[in-house]
Amino acid sequence: MDVAPENPAFKGFAMTETSRAWMLDPIEFHQDFVALLATPDGLVAVRDRATEIWNDSDPAVRAYVELLEVDREDWRCECEDAHLVEWYRVLMAPYLIATPALDDPDAVRLGLPLLGWHTSEARRLARGRELLTLAERHLDDPVADRLRLRFGWSTKGWLDHDDIADALDRMRRVERTSFREHQELVPVVENAFHVFEAAATKPDHVMLVASA
């Protein structure tokens, strides 16, 4: 990628406090999720497994679940589809492989449009796609419908291999002159490039992103 030297004095945008990313084998995870949901215990089995994972002291698991917004106290007395999305997300934890994350997703979201990206494209790279679309891609309609009723359209995010490959290709084609008036974006783009380059090494996985 042909860009100007890194400018350590990047002060263009406020830093996101926490940004983490993981790689997920979506086929394996969703097959196991459906199998667990289809057991005789059904929702009870899903809830109990989610509770077990939530209480796991493994730092790798904690690094993921601590970024999830869930109504943990209601799980004990409510075993119904109202919590299915929360359990779906928690159950991903054992399948995740940590990968480099964007240093500052907000800088990517606000900075890339200054280099020619559409705002929606920059937002998708920074925050990921709606997580519901991952479920819809890998689950049959009956199960997806149960999640769809509870998911809404405010839970991000994930990126597939095409998203990552397209981002890398476009960043490789950024002209050096594009940074003349935006030196503060050099480290932002370099960081994004390295993050997506690492993710691209697992083409059969999707990238899961979370920030707070």
Protein backbone atom coordinates (compact mmCIF):
# COMPACT_ATOMS: atom_id res chain seq x y z
CA MET A 1 0.00 0.00 0.00
CA ASP A 2 1.55 3.25 -1.15
CA VAL A 3 0.92 5.85 1.55
CA ALA A 4 2.86 8.61 3.23
CA PRO A 5 4.94 7.90 6.34
CA GLU A 6 2.98 7.37 9.52
CA ASN A 7 2.04 10.47 11.44
CA PRO A 8 2.16 9.62 15.17
CA ALA A 9 0.34 12.83 16.05
CA PHE A 10 -3.01 11.60 14.74
CA LYS A 11 -5.63 13.65 16.53
CA GLY A 12 -8.43 13.64 14.00
CA PHE A 13 -10.99 11.66 15.97
CA ALA A 14 -11.64 10.47 19.51
CA MET A 15 -10.36 6.98 20.19
CA THR A 16 -12.80 4.17 20.82
CA GLU A 17 -12.12 2.85 24.33
CA THR A 18 -12.27 -0.85 23.46
CA SER A 19 -12.17 -2.56 20.08
CA ARG A 20 -11.83 -6.31 19.64
CA ALA A 21 -12.17 -8.77 16.78
CA TRP A 22 -12.36 -12.49 16.24
CA MET A 23 -12.60 -15.00 13.41
CA LEU A 24 -15.57 -17.37 13.41
CA ASP A 25 -16.23 -20.52 11.39
CA PRO A 26 -19.90 -19.75 10.67
CA ILE A 27 -20.82 -23.19 9.35
CA GLU A 28 -19.55 -25.12 12.36
CA PHE A 29 -21.08 -22.69 14.84
CA HIS A 30 -24.52 -22.56 13.25
CA GLN A 31 -24.70 -26.33 12.80
CA ASP A 32 -23.95 -26.81 16.49
CA PHE A 33 -26.40 -24.06 17.48
CA VAL A 34 -29.23 -25.68 15.51
CA ALA A 35 -28.36 -29.12 16.89
CA LEU A 36 -28.48 -27.83 20.48
CA LEU A 37 -31.75 -26.02 19.89
CA ALA A 38 -33.24 -29.19 18.38
CA THR A 39 -32.47 -31.38 21.40
CA PRO A 40 -35.37 -32.52 23.61
CA ASP A 41 -34.46 -29.81 26.14
CA GLY A 42 -34.45 -27.16 23.40
CA LEU A 43 -34.34 -23.67 24.89
CA VAL A 44 -33.35 -25.02 28.29
CA ALA A 45 -30.25 -26.62 26.78
CA VAL A 46 -29.40 -23.40 24.95
CA ARG A 47 -29.89 -21.32 28.09
CA ASP A 48 -27.87 -23.67 30.26
CA ARG A 49 -25.01 -23.70 27.78
CA ALA A 50 -25.10 -19.90 27.53
CA THR A 51 -25.01 -19.66 31.32
CA GLU A 52 -22.05 -22.02 31.47
CA ILE A 53 -20.16 -19.94 28.94
CA TRP A 54 -21.10 -16.67 30.63
CA ASN A 55 -19.63 -17.93 33.91
CA ASP A 56 -16.44 -19.22 32.27
CA SER A 57 -13.33 -17.58 33.73
CA ASP A 58 -11.21 -18.13 30.60
CA PRO A 59 -9.76 -14.71 29.66
CA ALA A 60 -10.45 -15.37 25.98
CA VAL A 61 -14.13 -15.96 26.72
CA ARG A 62 -14.34 -12.99 29.10
CA ALA A 63 -12.82 -10.68 26.48
CA TYR A 64 -15.81 -11.40 24.27
CA VAL A 65 -18.79 -11.76 26.59
CA GLU A 66 -17.96 -8.65 28.60
CA LEU A 67 -18.74 -6.56 25.52
CA LEU A 68 -22.22 -8.05 25.12
CA GLU A 69 -25.28 -6.27 26.44
CA VAL A 70 -27.51 -8.95 27.95
CA ASP A 71 -30.16 -9.22 30.66
CA ARG A 72 -28.29 -11.91 32.54
CA GLU A 73 -30.48 -11.76 35.67
CA ASP A 74 -33.62 -12.65 33.70
CA TRP A 75 -32.18 -15.90 32.34
CA ARG A 76 -32.80 -17.84 35.55
CA CYS A 77 -36.54 -17.23 35.63
CA GLU A 78 -37.28 -16.82 31.91
CA CYS A 79 -36.54 -19.56 29.41
CA GLU A 80 -38.17 -18.25 26.26
CA ASP A 81 -37.36 -16.89 22.82
CA ALA A 82 -37.09 -13.39 24.25
CA HIS A 83 -33.51 -14.26 25.21
CA LEU A 84 -32.65 -16.40 22.19
CA VAL A 85 -30.62 -13.67 20.49
CA GLU A 86 -28.59 -13.13 23.65
CA TRP A 87 -27.91 -16.85 23.94
CA TYR A 88 -27.05 -17.08 20.24
CA ARG A 89 -24.39 -14.41 20.70
CA VAL A 90 -22.99 -15.87 23.92
CA LEU A 91 -22.77 -19.35 22.41
CA MET A 92 -20.36 -18.02 19.80
CA ALA A 93 -17.64 -17.49 22.42
CA PRO A 94 -15.97 -20.94 22.34
CA TYR A 95 -15.77 -20.83 18.54
CA LEU A 96 -13.96 -17.50 18.31
CA ILE A 97 -10.31 -17.05 17.37
CA ALA A 98 -8.85 -13.70 18.40
CA THR A 99 -7.52 -11.54 15.57
CA PRO A 100 -6.18 -7.97 15.41
CA ALA A 101 -8.88 -5.32 15.74
CA LEU A 102 -9.13 -1.77 14.46
CA ASP A 103 -7.41 0.62 16.84
CA ASP A 104 -10.23 3.13 16.40
CA PRO A 105 -13.38 2.13 14.49
CA ASP A 106 -14.73 5.67 14.67
CA ALA A 107 -11.64 6.99 12.92
CA VAL A 108 -12.23 4.48 10.13
CA ARG A 109 -15.92 5.34 9.92
CA LEU A 110 -15.32 9.09 9.77
CA GLY A 111 -11.98 9.09 7.97
CA LEU A 112 -12.46 6.81 4.98
CA PRO A 113 -15.12 9.05 3.37
CA LEU A 114 -12.44 11.75 3.19
CA LEU A 115 -10.51 9.37 0.94
CA GLY A 116 -13.43 8.56 -1.34
CA TRP A 117 -15.32 5.80 0.44
CA HIS A 118 -19.10 6.13 0.64
CA THR A 119 -20.24 6.76 4.21
CA SER A 120 -22.17 3.48 4.31
CA GLU A 121 -19.10 1.54 3.11
CA ALA A 122 -16.90 3.16 5.75
CA ARG A 123 -19.49 2.49 8.45
CA ARG A 124 -19.72 -1.17 7.44
CA LEU A 125 -15.95 -1.66 7.61
CA ALA A 126 -15.80 0.04 10.99
CA ARG A 127 -18.79 -1.59 12.68
CA GLY A 128 -19.61 -4.59 10.55
CA ARG A 129 -22.84 -5.77 9.00
CA GLU A 130 -26.02 -6.37 10.98
CA LEU A 131 -25.54 -9.60 12.91
CA LEU A 132 -29.03 -10.71 11.93
CA THR A 133 -27.82 -11.12 8.35
CA LEU A 134 -25.22 -13.64 9.51
CA ALA A 135 -27.95 -15.72 11.11
CA GLU A 136 -30.14 -15.41 8.02
CA ARG A 137 -27.31 -16.58 5.80
CA HIS A 138 -26.61 -19.75 7.78
CA LEU A 139 -29.90 -20.76 9.41
CA ASP A 140 -33.01 -22.28 7.90
CA ASP A 141 -36.07 -20.03 7.93
CA PRO A 142 -37.83 -21.54 10.98
CA VAL A 143 -34.83 -20.90 13.24
CA ALA A 144 -33.90 -17.62 11.57
CA ASP A 145 -37.47 -16.39 12.04
CA ARG A 146 -37.25 -16.99 15.77
CA LEU A 147 -34.16 -14.84 15.94
CA ARG A 148 -35.45 -12.25 13.49
CA LEU A 149 -38.37 -11.36 15.72
CA ARG A 150 -35.97 -10.40 18.51
CA PHE A 151 -32.87 -9.18 16.71
CA GLY A 152 -33.97 -5.90 15.21
CA TRP A 153 -31.53 -3.89 13.10
CA SER A 154 -29.19 -2.36 15.63
CA THR A 155 -26.84 -5.24 16.46
CA LYS A 156 -23.56 -5.24 14.57
CA GLY A 157 -21.26 -6.59 13.43
CA TRP A 158 -19.49 -9.02 11.15
CA LEU A 159 -17.66 -8.97 7.83
CA ASP A 160 -17.36 -11.78 5.31
CA HIS A 161 -14.29 -12.62 3.27
CA ASP A 162 -15.49 -10.60 0.27
CA ASP A 163 -15.88 -7.49 2.46
CA ILE A 164 -12.33 -7.93 3.69
CA ALA A 165 -10.81 -8.72 0.29
CA ASP A 166 -12.55 -5.75 -1.34
CA ALA A 167 -11.35 -3.42 1.42
CA LEU A 168 -7.76 -4.59 1.00
CA ASP A 169 -7.91 -4.17 -2.77
CA ARG A 170 -9.23 -0.66 -2.46
CA MET A 171 -6.67 0.34 0.15
CA ARG A 172 -3.86 -0.93 -2.10
CA ARG A 173 -5.13 1.41 -4.79
CA VAL A 174 -5.22 4.54 -2.61
CA GLU A 175 -3.02 7.19 -4.24
CA ARG A 176 -0.24 8.75 -2.20
CA THR A 177 -1.56 12.18 -3.09
CA SER A 178 -4.84 11.42 -1.33
CA PHE A 179 -3.07 11.88 2.00
CA ARG A 180 -1.60 15.32 1.31
CA GLU A 181 -4.48 17.04 3.07
CA HIS A 182 -5.24 14.19 5.43
CA GLN A 183 -1.98 13.11 7.01
CA GLU A 184 -3.88 12.12 10.13
CA LEU A 185 -5.47 9.27 8.18
CA VAL A 186 -2.19 7.53 7.33
CA PRO A 187 -2.03 5.48 10.57
CA VAL A 188 -5.78 4.85 10.38
CA VAL A 189 -5.54 3.28 6.93
CA GLU A 190 -2.33 1.41 7.76
CA ASN A 191 -3.94 -0.09 10.85
CA ALA A 192 -7.08 -1.06 8.91
CA PHE A 193 -4.96 -2.65 6.20
CA HIS A 194 -3.01 -4.79 8.68
CA VAL A 195 -6.23 -5.82 10.48
CA PHE A 196 -7.96 -6.92 7.29
CA GLU A 197 -4.80 -8.52 5.94
CA ALA A 198 -4.68 -10.76 9.03
CA ALA A 199 -8.38 -11.61 8.70
CA ALA A 200 -7.98 -12.49 5.02
CA THR A 201 -5.77 -15.46 5.93
CA LYS A 202 -8.93 -17.36 6.98
CA PRO A 203 -11.16 -17.18 3.89
CA ASP A 204 -13.59 -19.78 5.27
CA HIS A 205 -14.25 -17.69 8.38
CA VAL A 206 -16.08 -14.45 9.01
CA MET A 207 -14.72 -11.60 11.09
CA LEU A 208 -16.68 -10.68 14.20
CA VAL A 209 -16.14 -7.18 15.59
CA ALA A 210 -17.19 -5.48 18.81
CA SER A 211 -16.36 -2.18 20.45
CA ALA A 212 -17.36 -0.14 23.44
